[in-house]
PDB file of N, CA and C in Angstrom:
ATOM      1  N   UNK A   1     -17.873   1.131 -31.320  1.00  0.00           N
ATOM      2  CA  UNK A   1     -17.925  -0.064 -30.515  1.00  0.00           C
ATOM      3  C   UNK A   1     -16.742  -0.991 -30.896  1.00  0.00           C
ATOM      4  N   UNK A   2     -16.186  -0.920 -32.126  1.00  0.00           N
ATOM      5  CA  UNK A   2     -15.059  -1.748 -32.493  1.00  0.00           C
ATOM      6  C   UNK A   2     -13.927  -1.578 -31.488  1.00  0.00           C
ATOM      7  N   UNK A   3     -13.423  -2.670 -30.970  1.00  0.00           N
ATOM      8  CA  UNK A   3     -12.281  -2.626 -30.046  1.00  0.00           C
ATOM      9  C   UNK A   3     -12.668  -2.736 -28.607  1.00  0.00           C
ATOM     10  N   UNK A   4     -13.953  -2.681 -28.303  1.00  0.00           N
ATOM     11  CA  UNK A   4     -14.356  -2.880 -26.896  1.00  0.00           C
ATOM     12  C   UNK A   4     -14.324  -4.352 -26.492  1.00  0.00           C
ATOM     13  N   UNK A   5     -13.922  -4.592 -25.269  1.00  0.00           N
ATOM     14  CA  UNK A   5     -13.867  -5.938 -24.695  1.00  0.00           C
ATOM     15  C   UNK A   5     -14.994  -6.053 -23.666  1.00  0.00           C
ATOM     16  N   UNK A   6     -15.776  -7.119 -23.833  1.00  0.00           N
ATOM     17  CA  UNK A   6     -16.878  -7.391 -22.913  1.00  0.00           C
ATOM     18  C   UNK A   6     -16.714  -8.784 -22.354  1.00  0.00           C
ATOM     19  N   UNK A   7     -17.176  -8.957 -21.107  1.00  0.00           N
ATOM     20  CA  UNK A   7     -17.307 -10.287 -20.566  1.00  0.00           C
ATOM     21  C   UNK A   7     -18.657 -10.792 -21.051  1.00  0.00           C
ATOM     22  N   UNK A   8     -18.686 -11.949 -21.665  1.00  0.00           N
ATOM     23  CA  UNK A   8     -19.924 -12.427 -22.347  1.00  0.00           C
ATOM     24  C   UNK A   8     -20.225 -13.869 -21.989  1.00  0.00           C
ATOM     25  N   UNK A   9     -21.441 -14.283 -22.195  1.00  0.00           N
ATOM     26  CA  UNK A   9     -21.801 -15.682 -22.191  1.00  0.00           C
ATOM     27  C   UNK A   9     -21.615 -16.151 -23.644  1.00  0.00           C
ATOM     28  N   UNK A  10     -20.400 -16.513 -23.999  1.00  0.00           N
ATOM     29  CA  UNK A  10     -20.010 -16.876 -25.373  1.00  0.00           C
ATOM     30  C   UNK A  10     -20.529 -18.258 -25.666  1.00  0.00           C
ATOM     31  N   UNK A  11     -21.452 -18.431 -26.632  1.00  0.00           N
ATOM     32  CA  UNK A  11     -21.993 -19.761 -26.897  1.00  0.00           C
ATOM     33  C   UNK A  11     -21.005 -20.686 -27.653  1.00  0.00           C
ATOM     34  N   UNK A  12     -21.113 -21.924 -27.335  1.00  0.00           N
ATOM     35  CA  UNK A  12     -20.359 -22.943 -28.102  1.00  0.00           C
ATOM     36  C   UNK A  12     -21.057 -23.111 -29.454  1.00  0.00           C
ATOM     37  N   UNK A  13     -20.371 -23.725 -30.400  1.00  0.00           N
ATOM     38  CA  UNK A  13     -20.899 -23.860 -31.740  1.00  0.00           C
ATOM     39  C   UNK A  13     -22.191 -24.672 -31.747  1.00  0.00           C
ATOM     40  N   UNK A  14     -22.354 -25.586 -30.795  1.00  0.00           N
ATOM     41  CA  UNK A  14     -23.570 -26.389 -30.720  1.00  0.00           C
ATOM     42  C   UNK A  14     -24.831 -25.512 -30.386  1.00  0.00           C
ATOM     43  N   UNK A  15     -24.555 -24.349 -29.743  1.00  0.00           N
ATOM     44  CA  UNK A  15     -25.642 -23.517 -29.356  1.00  0.00           C
ATOM     45  C   UNK A  15     -26.331 -23.921 -28.090  1.00  0.00           C
ATOM     46  N   UNK A  16     -25.993 -25.063 -27.552  1.00  0.00           N
ATOM     47  CA  UNK A  16     -26.679 -25.560 -26.357  1.00  0.00           C
ATOM     48  C   UNK A  16     -26.105 -25.040 -25.066  1.00  0.00           C
ATOM     49  N   UNK A  17     -24.812 -24.737 -25.047  1.00  0.00           N
ATOM     50  CA  UNK A  17     -24.182 -24.287 -23.808  1.00  0.00           C
ATOM     51  C   UNK A  17     -23.302 -23.056 -24.134  1.00  0.00           C
ATOM     52  N   UNK A  18     -22.852 -22.438 -23.082  1.00  0.00           N
ATOM     53  CA  UNK A  18     -21.979 -21.255 -23.281  1.00  0.00           C
ATOM     54  C   UNK A  18     -20.926 -21.242 -22.172  1.00  0.00           C
ATOM     55  N   UNK A  19     -19.966 -20.374 -22.366  1.00  0.00           N
ATOM     56  CA  UNK A  19     -18.899 -20.165 -21.364  1.00  0.00           C
ATOM     57  C   UNK A  19     -18.735 -18.668 -21.191  1.00  0.00           C
ATOM     58  N   UNK A  20     -18.611 -18.278 -19.925  1.00  0.00           N
ATOM     59  CA  UNK A  20     -18.322 -16.838 -19.695  1.00  0.00           C
ATOM     60  C   UNK A  20     -16.872 -16.598 -20.021  1.00  0.00           C
ATOM     61  N   UNK A  21     -16.663 -15.691 -20.991  1.00  0.00           N
ATOM     62  CA  UNK A  21     -15.318 -15.369 -21.416  1.00  0.00           C
ATOM     63  C   UNK A  21     -15.291 -13.954 -22.037  1.00  0.00           C
ATOM     64  N   UNK A  22     -14.141 -13.403 -22.211  1.00  0.00           N
ATOM     65  CA  UNK A  22     -14.005 -12.089 -22.832  1.00  0.00           C
ATOM     66  C   UNK A  22     -14.290 -12.228 -24.359  1.00  0.00           C
ATOM     67  N   UNK A  23     -14.844 -11.216 -24.933  1.00  0.00           N
ATOM     68  CA  UNK A  23     -15.091 -11.156 -26.356  1.00  0.00           C
ATOM     69  C   UNK A  23     -14.758  -9.754 -26.855  1.00  0.00           C
ATOM     70  N   UNK A  24     -14.269  -9.712 -28.067  1.00  0.00           N
ATOM     71  CA  UNK A  24     -13.942  -8.432 -28.733  1.00  0.00           C
ATOM     72  C   UNK A  24     -15.025  -8.056 -29.690  1.00  0.00           C
ATOM     73  N   UNK A  25     -15.536  -6.853 -29.610  1.00  0.00           N
ATOM     74  CA  UNK A  25     -16.528  -6.417 -30.576  1.00  0.00           C
ATOM     75  C   UNK A  25     -15.847  -5.963 -31.867  1.00  0.00           C
ATOM     76  N   UNK A  26     -16.360  -6.500 -32.985  1.00  0.00           N
ATOM     77  CA  UNK A  26     -15.857  -6.175 -34.280  1.00  0.00           C
ATOM     78  C   UNK A  26     -16.778  -5.176 -35.002  1.00  0.00           C
ATOM     79  N   UNK A  27     -18.086  -5.395 -34.918  1.00  0.00           N
ATOM     80  CA  UNK A  27     -19.063  -4.566 -35.581  1.00  0.00           C
ATOM     81  C   UNK A  27     -20.309  -4.402 -34.693  1.00  0.00           C
ATOM     82  N   UNK A  28     -20.854  -3.202 -34.640  1.00  0.00           N
ATOM     83  CA  UNK A  28     -22.065  -2.913 -33.902  1.00  0.00           C
ATOM     84  C   UNK A  28     -23.246  -2.993 -34.862  1.00  0.00           C
ATOM     85  N   UNK A  29     -24.225  -3.789 -34.502  1.00  0.00           N
ATOM     86  CA  UNK A  29     -25.424  -3.961 -35.346  1.00  0.00           C
ATOM     87  C   UNK A  29     -26.697  -3.600 -34.587  1.00  0.00           C
ATOM     88  N   UNK A  30     -26.612  -2.502 -33.825  1.00  0.00           N
ATOM     89  CA  UNK A  30     -27.734  -2.030 -33.014  1.00  0.00           C
ATOM     90  C   UNK A  30     -28.002  -3.019 -31.810  1.00  0.00           C
ATOM     91  N   UNK A  31     -28.943  -3.907 -31.943  1.00  0.00           N
ATOM     92  CA  UNK A  31     -29.248  -4.799 -30.834  1.00  0.00           C
ATOM     93  C   UNK A  31     -28.284  -6.009 -30.791  1.00  0.00           C
ATOM     94  N   UNK A  32     -27.630  -6.249 -31.908  1.00  0.00           N
ATOM     95  CA  UNK A  32     -26.653  -7.343 -31.968  1.00  0.00           C
ATOM     96  C   UNK A  32     -25.287  -6.777 -32.178  1.00  0.00           C
ATOM     97  N   UNK A  33     -24.289  -7.628 -32.097  1.00  0.00           N
ATOM     98  CA  UNK A  33     -22.929  -7.242 -32.407  1.00  0.00           C
ATOM     99  C   UNK A  33     -22.195  -8.450 -32.987  1.00  0.00           C
ATOM    100  N   UNK A  34     -21.249  -8.198 -33.859  1.00  0.00           N
ATOM    101  CA  UNK A  34     -20.373  -9.281 -34.336  1.00  0.00           C
ATOM    102  C   UNK A  34     -19.138  -9.231 -33.425  1.00  0.00           C
ATOM    103  N   UNK A  35     -18.910 -10.370 -32.762  1.00  0.00           N
ATOM    104  CA  UNK A  35     -17.817 -10.463 -31.783  1.00  0.00           C
ATOM    105  C   UNK A  35     -16.914 -11.616 -32.126  1.00  0.00           C
ATOM    106  N   UNK A  36     -15.688 -11.549 -31.608  1.00  0.00           N
ATOM    107  CA  UNK A  36     -14.814 -12.720 -31.666  1.00  0.00           C
ATOM    108  C   UNK A  36     -14.291 -13.068 -30.287  1.00  0.00           C
ATOM    109  N   UNK A  37     -13.925 -14.310 -30.217  1.00  0.00           N
ATOM    110  CA  UNK A  37     -13.479 -14.887 -28.935  1.00  0.00           C
ATOM    111  C   UNK A  37     -12.109 -14.318 -28.580  1.00  0.00           C
ATOM    112  N   UNK A  38     -11.932 -14.115 -27.250  1.00  0.00           N
ATOM    113  CA  UNK A  38     -10.616 -13.754 -26.714  1.00  0.00           C
ATOM    114  C   UNK A  38     -10.198 -14.807 -25.706  1.00  0.00           C
ATOM    115  N   UNK A  39      -9.009 -15.309 -25.753  1.00  0.00           N
ATOM    116  CA  UNK A  39      -8.543 -16.373 -24.894  1.00  0.00           C
ATOM    117  C   UNK A  39      -7.175 -16.082 -24.348  1.00  0.00           C
ATOM    118  N   UNK A  40      -6.895 -16.660 -23.205  1.00  0.00           N
ATOM    119  CA  UNK A  40      -5.566 -16.570 -22.655  1.00  0.00           C
ATOM    120  C   UNK A  40      -4.681 -17.742 -23.063  1.00  0.00           C
ATOM    121  N   UNK A  41      -5.275 -18.720 -23.790  1.00  0.00           N
ATOM    122  CA  UNK A  41      -4.477 -19.791 -24.398  1.00  0.00           C
ATOM    123  C   UNK A  41      -3.885 -19.225 -25.662  1.00  0.00           C
ATOM    124  N   UNK A  42      -2.558 -19.062 -25.628  1.00  0.00           N
ATOM    125  CA  UNK A  42      -1.867 -18.312 -26.703  1.00  0.00           C
ATOM    126  C   UNK A  42      -1.643 -19.111 -27.957  1.00  0.00           C
ATOM    127  N   UNK A  43      -2.636 -19.094 -28.845  1.00  0.00           N
ATOM    128  CA  UNK A  43      -2.542 -19.757 -30.114  1.00  0.00           C
ATOM    129  C   UNK A  43      -1.704 -18.925 -31.100  1.00  0.00           C
ATOM    130  N   UNK A  44      -1.251 -19.595 -32.170  1.00  0.00           N
ATOM    131  CA  UNK A  44      -0.406 -18.937 -33.154  1.00  0.00           C
ATOM    132  C   UNK A  44      -0.947 -19.079 -34.582  1.00  0.00           C
ATOM    133  N   UNK A  45      -2.259 -19.238 -34.751  1.00  0.00           N
ATOM    134  CA  UNK A  45      -2.818 -19.387 -36.062  1.00  0.00           C
ATOM    135  C   UNK A  45      -2.765 -18.052 -36.837  1.00  0.00           C
ATOM    136  N   UNK A  46      -3.026 -18.151 -38.165  1.00  0.00           N
ATOM    137  CA  UNK A  46      -2.960 -16.954 -38.995  1.00  0.00           C
ATOM    138  C   UNK A  46      -3.995 -15.873 -38.645  1.00  0.00           C
ATOM    139  N   UNK A  47      -5.054 -16.239 -37.933  1.00  0.00           N
ATOM    140  CA  UNK A  47      -6.099 -15.275 -37.547  1.00  0.00           C
ATOM    141  C   UNK A  47      -6.118 -15.053 -36.013  1.00  0.00           C
ATOM    142  N   UNK A  48      -5.038 -15.439 -35.378  1.00  0.00           N
ATOM    143  CA  UNK A  48      -4.900 -15.165 -33.940  1.00  0.00           C
ATOM    144  C   UNK A  48      -4.033 -13.924 -33.748  1.00  0.00           C
ATOM    145  N   UNK A  49      -4.541 -12.961 -33.044  1.00  0.00           N
ATOM    146  CA  UNK A  49      -3.813 -11.712 -32.801  1.00  0.00           C
ATOM    147  C   UNK A  49      -3.499 -11.567 -31.382  1.00  0.00           C
ATOM    148  N   UNK A  50      -2.220 -11.547 -31.033  1.00  0.00           N
ATOM    149  CA  UNK A  50      -1.800 -11.334 -29.645  1.00  0.00           C
ATOM    150  C   UNK A  50      -2.035  -9.903 -29.279  1.00  0.00           C
ATOM    151  N   UNK A  51      -2.688  -9.700 -28.159  1.00  0.00           N
ATOM    152  CA  UNK A  51      -2.998  -8.374 -27.635  1.00  0.00           C
ATOM    153  C   UNK A  51      -1.879  -7.891 -26.766  1.00  0.00           C
ATOM    154  N   UNK A  52      -1.051  -7.005 -27.297  1.00  0.00           N
ATOM    155  CA  UNK A  52       0.108  -6.498 -26.585  1.00  0.00           C
ATOM    156  C   UNK A  52      -0.293  -5.719 -25.341  1.00  0.00           C
ATOM    157  N   UNK A  53      -1.363  -4.942 -25.429  1.00  0.00           N
ATOM    158  CA  UNK A  53      -1.782  -4.079 -24.336  1.00  0.00           C
ATOM    159  C   UNK A  53      -2.973  -4.691 -23.547  1.00  0.00           C
ATOM    160  N   UNK A  54      -2.885  -5.973 -23.285  1.00  0.00           N
ATOM    161  CA  UNK A  54      -3.996  -6.733 -22.737  1.00  0.00           C
ATOM    162  C   UNK A  54      -4.461  -6.180 -21.328  1.00  0.00           C
ATOM    163  N   UNK A  55      -3.534  -5.731 -20.537  1.00  0.00           N
ATOM    164  CA  UNK A  55      -3.896  -5.270 -19.191  1.00  0.00           C
ATOM    165  C   UNK A  55      -4.703  -3.971 -19.275  1.00  0.00           C
ATOM    166  N   UNK A  56      -4.300  -3.089 -20.204  1.00  0.00           N
ATOM    167  CA  UNK A  56      -5.063  -1.829 -20.292  1.00  0.00           C
ATOM    168  C   UNK A  56      -6.424  -2.052 -20.945  1.00  0.00           C
ATOM    169  N   UNK A  57      -6.654  -3.181 -21.556  1.00  0.00           N
ATOM    170  CA  UNK A  57      -7.964  -3.495 -22.151  1.00  0.00           C
ATOM    171  C   UNK A  57      -8.814  -4.201 -21.119  1.00  0.00           C
ATOM    172  N   UNK A  58      -8.366  -4.339 -19.899  1.00  0.00           N
ATOM    173  CA  UNK A  58      -9.176  -4.929 -18.811  1.00  0.00           C
ATOM    174  C   UNK A  58      -9.065  -6.429 -18.678  1.00  0.00           C
ATOM    175  N   UNK A  59      -8.123  -7.028 -19.412  1.00  0.00           N
ATOM    176  CA  UNK A  59      -7.931  -8.474 -19.353  1.00  0.00           C
ATOM    177  C   UNK A  59      -6.971  -8.821 -18.228  1.00  0.00           C
ATOM    178  N   UNK A  60      -7.178 -10.010 -17.632  1.00  0.00           N
ATOM    179  CA  UNK A  60      -6.398 -10.442 -16.463  1.00  0.00           C
ATOM    180  C   UNK A  60      -5.090 -11.106 -16.823  1.00  0.00           C
ATOM    181  N   UNK A  61      -4.999 -11.643 -18.054  1.00  0.00           N
ATOM    182  CA  UNK A  61      -3.844 -12.387 -18.513  1.00  0.00           C
ATOM    183  C   UNK A  61      -3.499 -11.973 -19.924  1.00  0.00           C
ATOM    184  N   UNK A  62      -2.248 -12.277 -20.372  1.00  0.00           N
ATOM    185  CA  UNK A  62      -1.901 -12.142 -21.760  1.00  0.00           C
ATOM    186  C   UNK A  62      -2.925 -12.888 -22.591  1.00  0.00           C
ATOM    187  N   UNK A  63      -3.399 -12.288 -23.653  1.00  0.00           N
ATOM    188  CA  UNK A  63      -4.499 -12.857 -24.424  1.00  0.00           C
ATOM    189  C   UNK A  63      -4.346 -12.729 -25.906  1.00  0.00           C
ATOM    190  N   UNK A  64      -5.161 -13.563 -26.614  1.00  0.00           N
ATOM    191  CA  UNK A  64      -5.175 -13.550 -28.050  1.00  0.00           C
ATOM    192  C   UNK A  64      -6.643 -13.329 -28.505  1.00  0.00           C
ATOM    193  N   UNK A  65      -6.839 -12.514 -29.495  1.00  0.00           N
ATOM    194  CA  UNK A  65      -8.114 -12.361 -30.162  1.00  0.00           C
ATOM    195  C   UNK A  65      -8.133 -13.388 -31.297  1.00  0.00           C
ATOM    196  N   UNK A  66      -9.099 -14.263 -31.316  1.00  0.00           N
ATOM    197  CA  UNK A  66      -9.230 -15.295 -32.336  1.00  0.00           C
ATOM    198  C   UNK A  66     -10.204 -14.784 -33.399  1.00  0.00           C
ATOM    199  N   UNK A  67      -9.668 -14.089 -34.358  1.00  0.00           N
ATOM    200  CA  UNK A  67     -10.470 -13.361 -35.360  1.00  0.00           C
ATOM    201  C   UNK A  67     -11.292 -14.341 -36.204  1.00  0.00           C
ATOM    202  N   UNK A  68     -10.908 -15.608 -36.268  1.00  0.00           N
ATOM    203  CA  UNK A  68     -11.694 -16.585 -37.059  1.00  0.00           C
ATOM    204  C   UNK A  68     -12.788 -17.201 -36.202  1.00  0.00           C
ATOM    205  N   UNK A  69     -12.852 -16.892 -34.932  1.00  0.00           N
ATOM    206  CA  UNK A  69     -13.918 -17.424 -34.055  1.00  0.00           C
ATOM    207  C   UNK A  69     -14.990 -16.316 -33.802  1.00  0.00           C
ATOM    208  N   UNK A  70     -15.770 -16.056 -34.836  1.00  0.00           N
ATOM    209  CA  UNK A  70     -16.716 -14.921 -34.792  1.00  0.00           C
ATOM    210  C   UNK A  70     -18.135 -15.420 -34.757  1.00  0.00           C
ATOM    211  N   UNK A  71     -18.982 -14.653 -34.070  1.00  0.00           N
ATOM    212  CA  UNK A  71     -20.422 -14.920 -34.102  1.00  0.00           C
ATOM    213  C   UNK A  71     -21.155 -13.566 -34.153  1.00  0.00           C
ATOM    214  N   UNK A  72     -22.396 -13.657 -34.571  1.00  0.00           N
ATOM    215  CA  UNK A  72     -23.314 -12.526 -34.393  1.00  0.00           C
ATOM    216  C   UNK A  72     -24.151 -12.833 -33.156  1.00  0.00           C
ATOM    217  N   UNK A  73     -24.119 -11.983 -32.220  1.00  0.00           N
ATOM    218  CA  UNK A  73     -24.785 -12.267 -30.982  1.00  0.00           C
ATOM    219  C   UNK A  73     -25.657 -11.075 -30.497  1.00  0.00           C
ATOM    220  N   UNK A  74     -26.714 -11.382 -29.772  1.00  0.00           N
ATOM    221  CA  UNK A  74     -27.497 -10.355 -29.161  1.00  0.00           C
ATOM    222  C   UNK A  74     -26.700  -9.744 -28.028  1.00  0.00           C
ATOM    223  N   UNK A  75     -26.808  -8.453 -27.890  1.00  0.00           N
ATOM    224  CA  UNK A  75     -26.016  -7.763 -26.832  1.00  0.00           C
ATOM    225  C   UNK A  75     -26.427  -8.147 -25.410  1.00  0.00           C
ATOM    226  N   UNK A  76     -27.568  -8.839 -25.297  1.00  0.00           N
ATOM    227  CA  UNK A  76     -27.976  -9.269 -23.966  1.00  0.00           C
ATOM    228  C   UNK A  76     -27.026 -10.285 -23.375  1.00  0.00           C
ATOM    229  N   UNK A  77     -26.122 -10.899 -24.196  1.00  0.00           N
ATOM    230  CA  UNK A  77     -25.200 -11.850 -23.629  1.00  0.00           C
ATOM    231  C   UNK A  77     -23.993 -11.098 -22.985  1.00  0.00           C
ATOM    232  N   UNK A  78     -23.893  -9.780 -23.211  1.00  0.00           N
ATOM    233  CA  UNK A  78     -22.790  -8.984 -22.636  1.00  0.00           C
ATOM    234  C   UNK A  78     -23.082  -8.816 -21.136  1.00  0.00           C
ATOM    235  N   UNK A  79     -22.208  -9.263 -20.297  1.00  0.00           N
ATOM    236  CA  UNK A  79     -22.385  -9.143 -18.861  1.00  0.00           C
ATOM    237  C   UNK A  79     -21.833  -7.876 -18.303  1.00  0.00           C
ATOM    238  N   UNK A  80     -20.638  -7.470 -18.767  1.00  0.00           N
ATOM    239  CA  UNK A  80     -20.084  -6.196 -18.392  1.00  0.00           C
ATOM    240  C   UNK A  80     -18.911  -5.816 -19.291  1.00  0.00           C
ATOM    241  N   UNK A  81     -18.652  -4.567 -19.388  1.00  0.00           N
ATOM    242  CA  UNK A  81     -17.584  -4.039 -20.230  1.00  0.00           C
ATOM    243  C   UNK A  81     -16.279  -4.116 -19.432  1.00  0.00           C
ATOM    244  N   UNK A  82     -15.243  -4.708 -20.063  1.00  0.00           N
ATOM    245  CA  UNK A  82     -13.946  -4.808 -19.363  1.00  0.00           C
ATOM    246  C   UNK A  82     -12.999  -3.671 -19.744  1.00  0.00           C
ATOM    247  N   UNK A  83     -13.052  -3.240 -21.007  1.00  0.00           N
ATOM    248  CA  UNK A  83     -12.165  -2.120 -21.426  1.00  0.00           C
ATOM    249  C   UNK A  83     -12.199  -1.999 -22.951  1.00  0.00           C
ATOM    250  N   UNK A  84     -11.138  -1.398 -23.450  1.00  0.00           N
ATOM    251  CA  UNK A  84     -11.025  -1.135 -24.897  1.00  0.00           C
ATOM    252  C   UNK A  84      -9.592  -1.391 -25.313  1.00  0.00           C
ATOM    253  N   UNK A  85      -9.441  -1.902 -26.514  1.00  0.00           N
ATOM    254  CA  UNK A  85      -8.088  -2.151 -27.058  1.00  0.00           C
ATOM    255  C   UNK A  85      -7.358  -0.852 -27.275  1.00  0.00           C
ATOM    256  N   UNK A  86      -6.043  -0.916 -27.220  1.00  0.00           N
ATOM    257  CA  UNK A  86      -5.185   0.212 -27.563  1.00  0.00           C
ATOM    258  C   UNK A  86      -5.232   0.414 -29.096  1.00  0.00           C
ATOM    259  N   UNK A  87      -4.827   1.591 -29.536  1.00  0.00           N
ATOM    260  CA  UNK A  87      -4.812   1.885 -30.971  1.00  0.00           C
ATOM    261  C   UNK A  87      -3.964   0.885 -31.749  1.00  0.00           C
ATOM    262  N   UNK A  88      -2.810   0.450 -31.178  1.00  0.00           N
ATOM    263  CA  UNK A  88      -1.939  -0.492 -31.887  1.00  0.00           C
ATOM    264  C   UNK A  88      -2.568  -1.882 -31.941  1.00  0.00           C
ATOM    265  N   UNK A  89      -3.278  -2.323 -30.905  1.00  0.00           N
ATOM    266  CA  UNK A  89      -3.945  -3.636 -30.967  1.00  0.00           C
ATOM    267  C   UNK A  89      -5.130  -3.568 -31.929  1.00  0.00           C
ATOM    268  N   UNK A  90      -5.852  -2.418 -31.970  1.00  0.00           N
ATOM    269  CA  UNK A  90      -6.918  -2.296 -32.965  1.00  0.00           C
ATOM    270  C   UNK A  90      -6.403  -2.421 -34.399  1.00  0.00           C
ATOM    271  N   UNK A  91      -5.255  -1.750 -34.648  1.00  0.00           N
ATOM    272  CA  UNK A  91      -4.650  -1.780 -35.933  1.00  0.00           C
ATOM    273  C   UNK A  91      -4.216  -3.205 -36.282  1.00  0.00           C
ATOM    274  N   UNK A  92      -3.673  -3.976 -35.346  1.00  0.00           N
ATOM    275  CA  UNK A  92      -3.298  -5.365 -35.594  1.00  0.00           C
ATOM    276  C   UNK A  92      -4.507  -6.201 -35.963  1.00  0.00           C
ATOM    277  N   UNK A  93      -5.643  -5.971 -35.309  1.00  0.00           N
ATOM    278  CA  UNK A  93      -6.884  -6.681 -35.663  1.00  0.00           C
ATOM    279  C   UNK A  93      -7.289  -6.334 -37.047  1.00  0.00           C
ATOM    280  N   UNK A  94      -7.327  -5.028 -37.386  1.00  0.00           N
ATOM    281  CA  UNK A  94      -7.697  -4.583 -38.737  1.00  0.00           C
ATOM    282  C   UNK A  94      -6.806  -5.205 -39.789  1.00  0.00           C
ATOM    283  N   UNK A  95      -5.516  -5.167 -39.555  1.00  0.00           N
ATOM    284  CA  UNK A  95      -4.555  -5.707 -40.557  1.00  0.00           C
ATOM    285  C   UNK A  95      -4.790  -7.229 -40.762  1.00  0.00           C
ATOM    286  N   UNK A  96      -4.969  -7.936 -39.678  1.00  0.00           N
ATOM    287  CA  UNK A  96      -5.203  -9.396 -39.759  1.00  0.00           C
ATOM    288  C   UNK A  96      -6.538  -9.682 -40.514  1.00  0.00           C
ATOM    289  N   UNK A  97      -7.581  -8.897 -40.183  1.00  0.00           N
ATOM    290  CA  UNK A  97      -8.854  -9.071 -40.897  1.00  0.00           C
ATOM    291  C   UNK A  97      -8.696  -8.786 -42.364  1.00  0.00           C
ATOM    292  N   UNK A  98      -8.139  -7.651 -42.696  1.00  0.00           N
ATOM    293  CA  UNK A  98      -8.055  -7.244 -44.073  1.00  0.00           C
ATOM    294  C   UNK A  98      -7.155  -8.151 -44.903  1.00  0.00           C
ATOM    295  N   UNK A  99      -6.146  -8.711 -44.336  1.00  0.00           N
ATOM    296  CA  UNK A  99      -5.218  -9.620 -45.042  1.00  0.00           C
ATOM    297  C   UNK A  99      -5.826 -10.967 -45.277  1.00  0.00           C
ATOM    298  N   UNK A 100      -6.627 -11.489 -44.298  1.00  0.00           N
ATOM    299  CA  UNK A 100      -7.042 -12.852 -44.349  1.00  0.00           C
ATOM    300  C   UNK A 100      -8.495 -13.107 -44.682  1.00  0.00           C
ATOM    301  N   UNK A 101      -9.343 -12.102 -44.467  1.00  0.00           N
ATOM    302  CA  UNK A 101     -10.804 -12.341 -44.620  1.00  0.00           C
ATOM    303  C   UNK A 101     -11.363 -11.764 -45.885  1.00  0.00           C
ATOM    304  N   UNK A 102     -10.712 -12.075 -46.978  1.00  0.00           N
ATOM    305  CA  UNK A 102     -11.123 -11.544 -48.301  1.00  0.00           C
ATOM    306  C   UNK A 102     -12.207 -12.442 -48.885  1.00  0.00           C
ATOM    307  N   UNK A 103     -13.217 -11.817 -49.467  1.00  0.00           N
ATOM    308  CA  UNK A 103     -14.294 -12.608 -50.108  1.00  0.00           C
ATOM    309  C   UNK A 103     -14.036 -12.651 -51.628  1.00  0.00           C
TER     310      UNK A 103
END
């Protein structure tokens, strides 16, 4: 499931409201998944990964995966599957995660 892009009801941090937006699956947890936000607002933070092959992943615009904007969510918020990241975009996500998310 890592690398799949879904259209989701992505909740705001308050938990009271949500926005329909693309999300990238990072980890499959059976009924839940750890996902990160995908946006067409091209940020340049250390945990923002530009998706070079955004069109083949089913996205409508050039996009960034915001690896620091992660949540654990029930899969019931997934509205539909848009596509899957290319091997090179998956590798960029892995490299960013491994470089920056050390415990």
